[in-house]
Amino acid sequence: MQPCQLPPFLQPGDDLWVTMPSGTLRERQDFDQGVAVLRSHSYTIRLSPNITAQWGYLAGTDTQRRQALIEGLKGNYSGIFCGRGGYGGARLLEDWQWPPTPTKWLVGFSDVTALLWGLATQGIASVHGPVMTTLVQEPDWSQQRLFDWLSGRPIPALTGKGWGQGKATGILLPGNLTVATHILGTSLCPKLDQVILALEDVGEAPYRLDRMLTQWRMSGVFKQVKGIALGRFSDCEAPTGIPSLTVEEVLRDRLGDLGIPIVSGLPFGHGAPNAALPVGVPAQLDGDQGTLAVGAP
C-alpha cells in the first residue's frame, strides 16, 4: 500500500457535512452535543436528510444513505463526519464507483471502517475517529487531537504495551476487526503489504475474536503487514461461568508468534478515549517502547 493523498486541511468557517451511512440514530442528545462540538470550532454544519431516517436497523434505505453520502462528496464541503456506526456502510459500496470529486476528509470509526478502507483504495486519506454520538464523551486531549490533525497540526504518539520485536515503519490502516474481516478479499480492502494495522472491536466474545484472527492467519495477510497496533476490545470478555480464554490470551495466542512489532492497550476504539488515527499515512510502531507515532502532516 502506498501513502494516501491528504485532503486540504480544515479552516475556521469551513462547511462540514454530517451524514448517517450506517445504523439508524437511536437517541438525539449525544448526537446534538457532538454537532455542537463541531460548531464550537467555528465550522458551519449541514445535516444530511437521512439523519432521522429509519429502515429497520439502517438510517434509511441504501438509496437514501448512498445519496446522502454522494451529496457530501460532491457538495461544497471540506469534510464529512459520520453520525454513528452500527451496521450498513459496506452495503453502500456494493457495485459502487467513487465520484470524481475534490478530496475531502471523512471521519468515523466502527462500521465506518468499510468507507475509510474503501476510500483508501482510491488513494485518499481519512480519519478513524469519533462519530457524532461519541464525540462529546471524548476527553479534551482526544478532541484536540482530532481537530489538530484535521487542521494540519502534528499529533503526539500514543503509548500502550509493547510486545517487543523492535520497530516498524509502514502505512497506518486503522479499523474495526469485525468489519475489516468481512471485507478481506473484496474490492473494499486496500493492499495490505507494508501496512501497520490498528485494530479494535466491541461486544465480540473471545472465541469470535479467535475465529476472526484465525481467518487472517489462514489468509496469509499477517505475513504482509509490518506491525499491529491493538486498541480497546470493549465488552469482549466471556460471560461468567462460561469456559473461555481471556481476550488477552486470544490476542497473544493468535498474534504473538508473528515476529513483527505489536503494541496493545492503545487508547482507541469503542468507549472514550477514542484517539483519532489517520488512515493511509506513514506511521512508526515501536514494539519495544510501546508507542505508535504518526508522521507529521
C-alpha atoms as a PDB file:
ATOM      1  CA  MET A   1       0.000   0.000   0.000  1.00  0.00           C
ATOM      2  CA  GLN A   2       1.234   3.477  -0.881  1.00  0.00           C
ATOM      3  CA  PRO A   3       0.696   6.617   1.225  1.00  0.00           C
ATOM      4  CA  CYS A   4      -2.659   8.253   0.555  1.00  0.00           C
ATOM      5  CA  GLN A   5      -3.259  11.834  -0.538  1.00  0.00           C
ATOM      6  CA  LEU A   6      -4.133  14.192   2.311  1.00  0.00           C
ATOM      7  CA  PRO A   7      -7.233  16.314   1.681  1.00  0.00           C
ATOM      8  CA  PRO A   8      -6.892  20.069   2.287  1.00  0.00           C
ATOM      9  CA  PHE A   9      -6.741  20.817   5.996  1.00  0.00           C
ATOM     10  CA  LEU A  10      -9.773  22.429   7.617  1.00  0.00           C
ATOM     11  CA  GLN A  11     -10.034  26.156   8.179  1.00  0.00           C
ATOM     12  CA  PRO A  12     -12.360  28.060  10.553  1.00  0.00           C
ATOM     13  CA  GLY A  13     -15.664  28.686   8.820  1.00  0.00           C
ATOM     14  CA  ASP A  14     -15.392  25.626   6.553  1.00  0.00           C
ATOM     15  CA  ASP A  15     -18.629  23.820   5.704  1.00  0.00           C
ATOM     16  CA  LEU A  16     -18.926  20.274   7.062  1.00  0.00           C
ATOM     17  CA  TRP A  17     -21.461  17.601   6.127  1.00  0.00           C
ATOM     18  CA  VAL A  18     -22.848  15.253   8.804  1.00  0.00           C
ATOM     19  CA  THR A  19     -24.448  12.089   7.498  1.00  0.00           C
ATOM     20  CA  MET A  20     -25.614   8.640   8.610  1.00  0.00           C
ATOM     21  CA  PRO A  21     -24.089   5.960   6.339  1.00  0.00           C
ATOM     22  CA  SER A  22     -24.856   3.027   8.635  1.00  0.00           C
ATOM     23  CA  GLY A  23     -27.208   2.451  11.575  1.00  0.00           C
ATOM     24  CA  THR A  24     -30.266   4.497  12.467  1.00  0.00           C
ATOM     25  CA  LEU A  25     -29.981   7.131  15.182  1.00  0.00           C
ATOM     26  CA  ARG A  26     -31.219   5.692  18.486  1.00  0.00           C
ATOM     27  CA  GLU A  27     -31.127   8.857  20.590  1.00  0.00           C
ATOM     28  CA  ARG A  28     -30.589  12.508  19.764  1.00  0.00           C
ATOM     29  CA  GLN A  29     -28.901  14.109  22.780  1.00  0.00           C
ATOM     30  CA  ASP A  30     -25.347  12.845  22.290  1.00  0.00           C
ATOM     31  CA  PHE A  31     -25.637  13.420  18.543  1.00  0.00           C
ATOM     32  CA  ASP A  32     -26.695  17.042  19.007  1.00  0.00           C
ATOM     33  CA  GLN A  33     -23.917  17.587  21.549  1.00  0.00           C
ATOM     34  CA  GLY A  34     -21.391  16.193  19.071  1.00  0.00           C
ATOM     35  CA  VAL A  35     -22.617  18.613  16.411  1.00  0.00           C
ATOM     36  CA  ALA A  36     -22.271  21.399  18.967  1.00  0.00           C
ATOM     37  CA  VAL A  37     -18.614  20.437  19.464  1.00  0.00           C
ATOM     38  CA  LEU A  38     -18.036  20.887  15.720  1.00  0.00           C
ATOM     39  CA  ARG A  39     -19.734  24.276  15.784  1.00  0.00           C
ATOM     40  CA  SER A  40     -17.605  25.328  18.768  1.00  0.00           C
ATOM     41  CA  HIS A  41     -14.584  25.031  16.448  1.00  0.00           C
ATOM     42  CA  SER A  42     -16.100  27.627  14.111  1.00  0.00           C
ATOM     43  CA  TYR A  43     -17.263  25.214  11.426  1.00  0.00           C
ATOM     44  CA  THR A  44     -20.560  25.563   9.584  1.00  0.00           C
ATOM     45  CA  ILE A  45     -22.559  22.336   9.877  1.00  0.00           C
ATOM     46  CA  ARG A  46     -25.103  20.911   7.440  1.00  0.00           C
ATOM     47  CA  LEU A  47     -27.084  17.786   8.373  1.00  0.00           C
ATOM     48  CA  SER A  48     -27.981  15.265   5.677  1.00  0.00           C
ATOM     49  CA  PRO A  49     -31.690  14.488   5.069  1.00  0.00           C
ATOM     50  CA  ASN A  50     -31.364  10.932   6.424  1.00  0.00           C
ATOM     51  CA  ILE A  51     -30.291  11.915   9.953  1.00  0.00           C
ATOM     52  CA  THR A  52     -33.615  10.754  11.406  1.00  0.00           C
ATOM     53  CA  ALA A  53     -34.447   8.173   8.713  1.00  0.00           C
ATOM     54  CA  GLN A  54     -35.022   4.538   9.628  1.00  0.00           C
ATOM     55  CA  TRP A  55     -35.356   1.346   7.641  1.00  0.00           C
ATOM     56  CA  GLY A  56     -35.100  -1.428  10.197  1.00  0.00           C
ATOM     57  CA  TYR A  57     -31.654  -1.101  11.780  1.00  0.00           C
ATOM     58  CA  LEU A  58     -30.442   1.211   8.994  1.00  0.00           C
ATOM     59  CA  ALA A  59     -30.567   5.014   8.734  1.00  0.00           C
ATOM     60  CA  GLY A  60     -32.840   4.775   5.716  1.00  0.00           C
ATOM     61  CA  THR A  61     -32.697   2.622   2.607  1.00  0.00           C
ATOM     62  CA  ASP A  62     -29.454   2.001   0.777  1.00  0.00           C
ATOM     63  CA  THR A  63     -30.565   4.571  -1.809  1.00  0.00           C
ATOM     64  CA  GLN A  64     -31.222   7.218   0.847  1.00  0.00           C
ATOM     65  CA  ARG A  65     -27.920   6.638   2.607  1.00  0.00           C
ATOM     66  CA  ARG A  66     -25.954   6.421  -0.639  1.00  0.00           C
ATOM     67  CA  GLN A  67     -27.479   9.653  -1.932  1.00  0.00           C
ATOM     68  CA  ALA A  68     -26.636  11.388   1.356  1.00  0.00           C
ATOM     69  CA  LEU A  69     -23.017  10.227   1.097  1.00  0.00           C
ATOM     70  CA  ILE A  70     -22.792  11.334  -2.542  1.00  0.00           C
ATOM     71  CA  GLU A  71     -24.179  14.752  -1.645  1.00  0.00           C
ATOM     72  CA  GLY A  72     -21.434  15.135   0.942  1.00  0.00           C
ATOM     73  CA  LEU A  73     -18.769  14.020  -1.526  1.00  0.00           C
ATOM     74  CA  LYS A  74     -19.958  16.215  -4.395  1.00  0.00           C
ATOM     75  CA  GLY A  75     -21.132  19.214  -2.363  1.00  0.00           C
ATOM     76  CA  ASN A  76     -19.060  22.225  -1.412  1.00  0.00           C
ATOM     77  CA  TYR A  77     -17.940  20.723   1.894  1.00  0.00           C
ATOM     78  CA  SER A  78     -14.458  20.394   3.328  1.00  0.00           C
ATOM     79  CA  GLY A  79     -15.220  17.307   5.393  1.00  0.00           C
ATOM     80  CA  ILE A  80     -17.777  14.598   6.118  1.00  0.00           C
ATOM     81  CA  PHE A  81     -18.465  13.462   9.680  1.00  0.00           C
ATOM     82  CA  CYS A  82     -20.479  10.308  10.334  1.00  0.00           C
ATOM     83  CA  GLY A  83     -23.332  10.433  12.830  1.00  0.00           C
ATOM     84  CA  ARG A  84     -22.844   6.951  14.232  1.00  0.00           C
ATOM     85  CA  GLY A  85     -21.691   3.460  13.327  1.00  0.00           C
ATOM     86  CA  GLY A  86     -23.930   0.428  13.721  1.00  0.00           C
ATOM     87  CA  TYR A  87     -24.183  -1.526  10.507  1.00  0.00           C
ATOM     88  CA  GLY A  88     -24.707  -0.835   6.825  1.00  0.00           C
ATOM     89  CA  GLY A  89     -21.745   1.099   5.446  1.00  0.00           C
ATOM     90  CA  ALA A  90     -20.443  -1.730   3.290  1.00  0.00           C
ATOM     91  CA  ARG A  91     -23.876  -2.083   1.659  1.00  0.00           C
ATOM     92  CA  LEU A  92     -23.416   1.359   0.105  1.00  0.00           C
ATOM     93  CA  LEU A  93     -20.245   0.309  -1.671  1.00  0.00           C
ATOM     94  CA  GLU A  94     -21.589  -2.747  -3.493  1.00  0.00           C
ATOM     95  CA  ASP A  95     -21.203  -2.036  -7.248  1.00  0.00           C
ATOM     96  CA  TRP A  96     -20.117   1.481  -6.228  1.00  0.00           C
ATOM     97  CA  GLN A  97     -17.960   3.959  -8.093  1.00  0.00           C
ATOM     98  CA  TRP A  98     -16.423   6.758  -6.055  1.00  0.00           C
ATOM     99  CA  PRO A  99     -17.480  10.020  -7.725  1.00  0.00           C
ATOM    100  CA  PRO A 100     -14.642  12.105  -9.229  1.00  0.00           C
ATOM    101  CA  THR A 101     -14.753  14.908  -6.677  1.00  0.00           C
ATOM    102  CA  PRO A 102     -12.164  17.019  -4.846  1.00  0.00           C
ATOM    103  CA  THR A 103     -10.639  15.175  -1.916  1.00  0.00           C
ATOM    104  CA  LYS A 104     -12.127  15.931   1.487  1.00  0.00           C
ATOM    105  CA  TRP A 105     -11.885  14.491   4.979  1.00  0.00           C
ATOM    106  CA  LEU A 106     -14.094  11.591   6.064  1.00  0.00           C
ATOM    107  CA  VAL A 107     -14.236  10.929   9.815  1.00  0.00           C
ATOM    108  CA  GLY A 108     -15.745   7.951  11.637  1.00  0.00           C
ATOM    109  CA  PHE A 109     -14.996   4.527  13.109  1.00  0.00           C
ATOM    110  CA  SER A 110     -16.552   1.139  13.815  1.00  0.00           C
ATOM    111  CA  ASP A 111     -18.847   0.298  10.864  1.00  0.00           C
ATOM    112  CA  VAL A 112     -17.446   3.329   9.011  1.00  0.00           C
ATOM    113  CA  THR A 113     -14.283   1.212   8.598  1.00  0.00           C
ATOM    114  CA  ALA A 114     -15.760  -0.012   5.295  1.00  0.00           C
ATOM    115  CA  LEU A 115     -15.885   3.565   3.967  1.00  0.00           C
ATOM    116  CA  LEU A 116     -12.455   4.505   5.345  1.00  0.00           C
ATOM    117  CA  TRP A 117     -10.811   1.472   3.780  1.00  0.00           C
ATOM    118  CA  GLY A 118     -12.786   1.860   0.562  1.00  0.00           C
ATOM    119  CA  LEU A 119     -11.579   5.449   0.277  1.00  0.00           C
ATOM    120  CA  ALA A 120      -8.018   4.271   0.903  1.00  0.00           C
ATOM    121  CA  THR A 121      -8.273   2.054  -2.198  1.00  0.00           C
ATOM    122  CA  GLN A 122      -8.750   5.330  -4.092  1.00  0.00           C
ATOM    123  CA  GLY A 123      -5.573   6.731  -2.576  1.00  0.00           C
ATOM    124  CA  ILE A 124      -7.345   9.241  -0.310  1.00  0.00           C
ATOM    125  CA  ALA A 125      -6.551   9.601   3.403  1.00  0.00           C
ATOM    126  CA  SER A 126      -9.259   9.830   6.057  1.00  0.00           C
ATOM    127  CA  VAL A 127      -9.565   9.688   9.848  1.00  0.00           C
ATOM    128  CA  HIS A 128     -10.524   6.809  12.137  1.00  0.00           C
ATOM    129  CA  GLY A 129     -12.066   8.878  14.928  1.00  0.00           C
ATOM    130  CA  PRO A 130     -15.174   9.695  16.933  1.00  0.00           C
ATOM    131  CA  VAL A 131     -18.642   9.925  15.398  1.00  0.00           C
ATOM    132  CA  MET A 132     -21.239  12.499  16.408  1.00  0.00           C
ATOM    133  CA  THR A 133     -22.800  10.286  19.068  1.00  0.00           C
ATOM    134  CA  THR A 134     -19.427   9.734  20.790  1.00  0.00           C
ATOM    135  CA  LEU A 135     -17.534  12.993  20.228  1.00  0.00           C
ATOM    136  CA  VAL A 136     -18.890  14.770  23.313  1.00  0.00           C
ATOM    137  CA  GLN A 137     -17.717  11.872  25.516  1.00  0.00           C
ATOM    138  CA  GLU A 138     -14.104  12.294  24.423  1.00  0.00           C
ATOM    139  CA  PRO A 139     -11.697  13.918  26.905  1.00  0.00           C
ATOM    140  CA  ASP A 140     -10.327  17.311  25.940  1.00  0.00           C
ATOM    141  CA  TRP A 141      -6.994  15.930  24.754  1.00  0.00           C
ATOM    142  CA  SER A 142      -8.703  13.471  22.424  1.00  0.00           C
ATOM    143  CA  GLN A 143     -10.965  16.112  20.908  1.00  0.00           C
ATOM    144  CA  GLN A 144      -7.963  18.395  20.495  1.00  0.00           C
ATOM    145  CA  ARG A 145      -6.018  15.592  18.798  1.00  0.00           C
ATOM    146  CA  LEU A 146      -8.775  15.164  16.214  1.00  0.00           C
ATOM    147  CA  PHE A 147      -9.025  18.850  15.368  1.00  0.00           C
ATOM    148  CA  ASP A 148      -5.257  19.303  15.447  1.00  0.00           C
ATOM    149  CA  TRP A 149      -4.828  16.660  12.768  1.00  0.00           C
ATOM    150  CA  LEU A 150      -7.687  17.978  10.635  1.00  0.00           C
ATOM    151  CA  SER A 151      -6.174  21.473  10.865  1.00  0.00           C
ATOM    152  CA  GLY A 152      -2.698  20.373   9.813  1.00  0.00           C
ATOM    153  CA  ARG A 153      -1.015  20.378  13.209  1.00  0.00           C
ATOM    154  CA  PRO A 154       1.153  17.450  14.417  1.00  0.00           C
ATOM    155  CA  ILE A 155      -0.277  14.960  16.896  1.00  0.00           C
ATOM    156  CA  PRO A 156       1.659  13.160  19.658  1.00  0.00           C
ATOM    157  CA  ALA A 157       2.469   9.473  19.732  1.00  0.00           C
ATOM    158  CA  LEU A 158       0.167   7.100  21.585  1.00  0.00           C
ATOM    159  CA  THR A 159       1.559   4.784  24.254  1.00  0.00           C
ATOM    160  CA  GLY A 160       0.471   1.252  25.061  1.00  0.00           C
ATOM    161  CA  LYS A 161       2.107  -2.060  25.989  1.00  0.00           C
ATOM    162  CA  GLY A 162       4.920  -3.186  23.715  1.00  0.00           C
ATOM    163  CA  TRP A 163       5.337  -6.845  22.880  1.00  0.00           C
ATOM    164  CA  GLY A 164       8.889  -6.464  21.573  1.00  0.00           C
ATOM    165  CA  GLN A 165      10.251  -7.234  18.082  1.00  0.00           C
ATOM    166  CA  GLY A 166      11.719  -3.783  17.517  1.00  0.00           C
ATOM    167  CA  LYS A 167      10.397  -1.029  15.290  1.00  0.00           C
ATOM    168  CA  ALA A 168       8.372  -0.936  12.092  1.00  0.00           C
ATOM    169  CA  THR A 169       7.524   1.802   9.637  1.00  0.00           C
ATOM    170  CA  GLY A 170       4.505   1.446   7.383  1.00  0.00           C
ATOM    171  CA  ILE A 171       1.210   2.895   6.222  1.00  0.00           C
ATOM    172  CA  LEU A 172      -1.311   3.132   9.051  1.00  0.00           C
ATOM    173  CA  LEU A 173      -4.585   1.314   8.420  1.00  0.00           C
ATOM    174  CA  PRO A 174      -6.924   1.538  11.447  1.00  0.00           C
ATOM    175  CA  GLY A 175     -10.283  -0.183  11.646  1.00  0.00           C
ATOM    176  CA  ASN A 176     -12.758  -2.399  13.412  1.00  0.00           C
ATOM    177  CA  LEU A 177     -11.657  -6.040  13.395  1.00  0.00           C
ATOM    178  CA  THR A 178     -15.103  -7.466  12.593  1.00  0.00           C
ATOM    179  CA  VAL A 179     -15.790  -5.065   9.722  1.00  0.00           C
ATOM    180  CA  ALA A 180     -12.261  -5.459   8.349  1.00  0.00           C
ATOM    181  CA  THR A 181     -12.555  -9.250   8.477  1.00  0.00           C
ATOM    182  CA  HIS A 182     -15.724  -9.148   6.414  1.00  0.00           C
ATOM    183  CA  ILE A 183     -14.155  -7.054   3.657  1.00  0.00           C
ATOM    184  CA  LEU A 184     -10.989  -9.124   3.293  1.00  0.00           C
ATOM    185  CA  GLY A 185     -10.721 -10.306  -0.299  1.00  0.00           C
ATOM    186  CA  THR A 186     -13.185  -7.713  -1.616  1.00  0.00           C
ATOM    187  CA  SER A 187     -12.664  -4.567  -3.671  1.00  0.00           C
ATOM    188  CA  LEU A 188     -13.084  -2.527  -0.465  1.00  0.00           C
ATOM    189  CA  CYS A 189      -9.881  -3.893   1.037  1.00  0.00           C
ATOM    190  CA  PRO A 190      -6.689  -1.933   0.367  1.00  0.00           C
ATOM    191  CA  LYS A 191      -3.463  -3.715  -0.384  1.00  0.00           C
ATOM    192  CA  LEU A 192      -2.074  -4.786   2.975  1.00  0.00           C
ATOM    193  CA  ASP A 193       1.613  -5.001   2.180  1.00  0.00           C
ATOM    194  CA  GLN A 194       3.769  -2.500   4.074  1.00  0.00           C
ATOM    195  CA  VAL A 195       0.821  -1.729   6.386  1.00  0.00           C
ATOM    196  CA  ILE A 196       0.658  -1.144  10.134  1.00  0.00           C
ATOM    197  CA  LEU A 197      -2.750  -2.482  11.127  1.00  0.00           C
ATOM    198  CA  ALA A 198      -4.554  -0.795  14.027  1.00  0.00           C
ATOM    199  CA  LEU A 199      -7.462  -2.934  15.223  1.00  0.00           C
ATOM    200  CA  GLU A 200     -10.221  -2.612  17.829  1.00  0.00           C
ATOM    201  CA  ASP A 201     -13.611  -4.195  18.500  1.00  0.00           C
ATOM    202  CA  VAL A 202     -16.636  -4.292  20.772  1.00  0.00           C
ATOM    203  CA  GLY A 203     -19.042  -6.955  22.003  1.00  0.00           C
ATOM    204  CA  GLU A 204     -17.238  -9.944  20.465  1.00  0.00           C
ATOM    205  CA  ALA A 205     -16.681 -12.971  22.703  1.00  0.00           C
ATOM    206  CA  PRO A 206     -13.097 -14.270  22.860  1.00  0.00           C
ATOM    207  CA  TYR A 207     -13.900 -17.268  20.646  1.00  0.00           C
ATOM    208  CA  ARG A 208     -15.211 -14.898  17.966  1.00  0.00           C
ATOM    209  CA  LEU A 209     -12.046 -12.830  18.108  1.00  0.00           C
ATOM    210  CA  ASP A 210     -10.121 -16.115  17.854  1.00  0.00           C
ATOM    211  CA  ARG A 211     -12.169 -17.133  14.799  1.00  0.00           C
ATOM    212  CA  MET A 212     -11.576 -13.811  13.002  1.00  0.00           C
ATOM    213  CA  LEU A 213      -7.857 -13.691  13.744  1.00  0.00           C
ATOM    214  CA  THR A 214      -7.508 -17.300  12.636  1.00  0.00           C
ATOM    215  CA  GLN A 215      -9.063 -16.324   9.305  1.00  0.00           C
ATOM    216  CA  TRP A 216      -6.484 -13.539   8.945  1.00  0.00           C
ATOM    217  CA  ARG A 217      -3.727 -16.037   9.730  1.00  0.00           C
ATOM    218  CA  MET A 218      -5.006 -18.610   7.234  1.00  0.00           C
ATOM    219  CA  SER A 219      -5.440 -15.984   4.528  1.00  0.00           C
ATOM    220  CA  GLY A 220      -1.749 -15.153   4.784  1.00  0.00           C
ATOM    221  CA  VAL A 221      -2.433 -11.459   5.357  1.00  0.00           C
ATOM    222  CA  PHE A 222      -0.369 -11.234   8.532  1.00  0.00           C
ATOM    223  CA  LYS A 223       2.709 -12.208   6.500  1.00  0.00           C
ATOM    224  CA  GLN A 224       2.325  -8.943   4.557  1.00  0.00           C
ATOM    225  CA  VAL A 225       1.870  -6.423   7.380  1.00  0.00           C
ATOM    226  CA  LYS A 226       4.746  -4.633   9.098  1.00  0.00           C
ATOM    227  CA  GLY A 227       3.211  -4.359  12.572  1.00  0.00           C
ATOM    228  CA  ILE A 228      -0.041  -4.435  14.527  1.00  0.00           C
ATOM    229  CA  ALA A 229      -1.406  -1.805  16.925  1.00  0.00           C
ATOM    230  CA  LEU A 230      -4.198  -3.004  19.191  1.00  0.00           C
ATOM    231  CA  GLY A 231      -6.739  -0.662  20.741  1.00  0.00           C
ATOM    232  CA  ARG A 232      -9.628  -1.318  23.052  1.00  0.00           C
ATOM    233  CA  PHE A 233     -11.632  -4.557  22.889  1.00  0.00           C
ATOM    234  CA  SER A 234     -14.674  -3.381  24.822  1.00  0.00           C
ATOM    235  CA  ASP A 235     -17.209  -5.765  26.357  1.00  0.00           C
ATOM    236  CA  CYS A 236     -15.449  -8.743  24.804  1.00  0.00           C
ATOM    237  CA  GLU A 237     -14.990 -10.930  27.857  1.00  0.00           C
ATOM    238  CA  ALA A 238     -16.921 -14.202  28.045  1.00  0.00           C
ATOM    239  CA  PRO A 239     -19.926 -14.399  30.392  1.00  0.00           C
ATOM    240  CA  THR A 240     -19.200 -15.550  33.938  1.00  0.00           C
ATOM    241  CA  GLY A 241     -19.224 -19.332  34.246  1.00  0.00           C
ATOM    242  CA  ILE A 242     -18.521 -19.998  30.575  1.00  0.00           C
ATOM    243  CA  PRO A 243     -15.179 -21.738  29.907  1.00  0.00           C
ATOM    244  CA  SER A 244     -13.087 -19.344  27.868  1.00  0.00           C
ATOM    245  CA  LEU A 245      -9.726 -17.841  27.149  1.00  0.00           C
ATOM    246  CA  THR A 246      -9.445 -14.181  28.041  1.00  0.00           C
ATOM    247  CA  VAL A 247      -9.217 -11.528  25.334  1.00  0.00           C
ATOM    248  CA  GLU A 248      -5.546 -11.023  26.235  1.00  0.00           C
ATOM    249  CA  GLU A 249      -4.860 -14.754  25.905  1.00  0.00           C
ATOM    250  CA  VAL A 250      -6.548 -14.894  22.491  1.00  0.00           C
ATOM    251  CA  LEU A 251      -4.604 -11.902  21.192  1.00  0.00           C
ATOM    252  CA  ARG A 252      -1.326 -13.302  22.491  1.00  0.00           C
ATOM    253  CA  ASP A 253      -2.019 -16.757  21.059  1.00  0.00           C
ATOM    254  CA  ARG A 254      -3.127 -15.594  17.613  1.00  0.00           C
ATOM    255  CA  LEU A 255      -0.655 -12.722  17.151  1.00  0.00           C
ATOM    256  CA  GLY A 256       2.308 -13.302  19.465  1.00  0.00           C
ATOM    257  CA  ASP A 257       4.192 -15.635  17.112  1.00  0.00           C
ATOM    258  CA  LEU A 258       4.086 -13.411  14.020  1.00  0.00           C
ATOM    259  CA  GLY A 259       7.556 -11.979  14.585  1.00  0.00           C
ATOM    260  CA  ILE A 260       6.508  -8.374  13.971  1.00  0.00           C
ATOM    261  CA  PRO A 261       6.225  -5.392  16.341  1.00  0.00           C
ATOM    262  CA  ILE A 262       2.918  -5.351  18.246  1.00  0.00           C
ATOM    263  CA  VAL A 263       1.648  -2.798  20.728  1.00  0.00           C
ATOM    264  CA  SER A 264      -1.552  -3.417  22.695  1.00  0.00           C
ATOM    265  CA  GLY A 265      -3.678  -1.329  25.046  1.00  0.00           C
ATOM    266  CA  LEU A 266      -3.626   1.807  22.900  1.00  0.00           C
ATOM    267  CA  PRO A 267      -6.344   4.391  23.646  1.00  0.00           C
ATOM    268  CA  PHE A 268      -8.615   3.991  20.632  1.00  0.00           C
ATOM    269  CA  GLY A 269     -11.790   2.068  19.935  1.00  0.00           C
ATOM    270  CA  HIS A 270     -15.265   1.882  21.424  1.00  0.00           C
ATOM    271  CA  GLY A 271     -15.532   3.915  24.598  1.00  0.00           C
ATOM    272  CA  ALA A 272     -13.560   7.023  25.457  1.00  0.00           C
ATOM    273  CA  PRO A 273     -10.886   7.879  24.745  1.00  0.00           C
ATOM    274  CA  ASN A 274     -11.006   7.054  21.058  1.00  0.00           C
ATOM    275  CA  ALA A 275      -7.864   8.803  19.873  1.00  0.00           C
ATOM    276  CA  ALA A 276      -8.015   9.881  16.242  1.00  0.00           C
ATOM    277  CA  LEU A 277      -5.821   7.850  13.884  1.00  0.00           C
ATOM    278  CA  PRO A 278      -5.238   8.958  10.294  1.00  0.00           C
ATOM    279  CA  VAL A 279      -5.888   6.341   7.621  1.00  0.00           C
ATOM    280  CA  GLY A 280      -3.330   5.826   4.881  1.00  0.00           C
ATOM    281  CA  VAL A 281      -0.430   7.891   6.223  1.00  0.00           C
ATOM    282  CA  PRO A 282       3.110   6.847   7.262  1.00  0.00           C
ATOM    283  CA  ALA A 283       3.443   5.709  10.872  1.00  0.00           C
ATOM    284  CA  GLN A 284       6.037   4.199  13.177  1.00  0.00           C
ATOM    285  CA  LEU A 285       5.300   1.382  15.607  1.00  0.00           C
ATOM    286  CA  ASP A 286       7.816   0.646  18.365  1.00  0.00           C
ATOM    287  CA  GLY A 287       7.237  -2.776  19.880  1.00  0.00           C
ATOM    288  CA  ASP A 288       9.930  -2.221  22.488  1.00  0.00           C
ATOM    289  CA  GLN A 289       8.847   1.209  23.742  1.00  0.00           C
ATOM    290  CA  GLY A 290       5.129   0.527  23.152  1.00  0.00           C
ATOM    291  CA  THR A 291       4.423   3.585  21.002  1.00  0.00           C
ATOM    292  CA  LEU A 292       2.525   4.403  17.810  1.00  0.00           C
ATOM    293  CA  ALA A 293       3.589   7.633  16.110  1.00  0.00           C
ATOM    294  CA  VAL A 294       2.066   9.210  13.021  1.00  0.00           C
ATOM    295  CA  GLY A 295       4.178  11.172  10.587  1.00  0.00           C
ATOM    296  CA  ALA A 296       3.690  14.930  10.726  1.00  0.00           C
ATOM    297  CA  PRO A 297       1.104  16.163   8.240  1.00  0.00           C
END
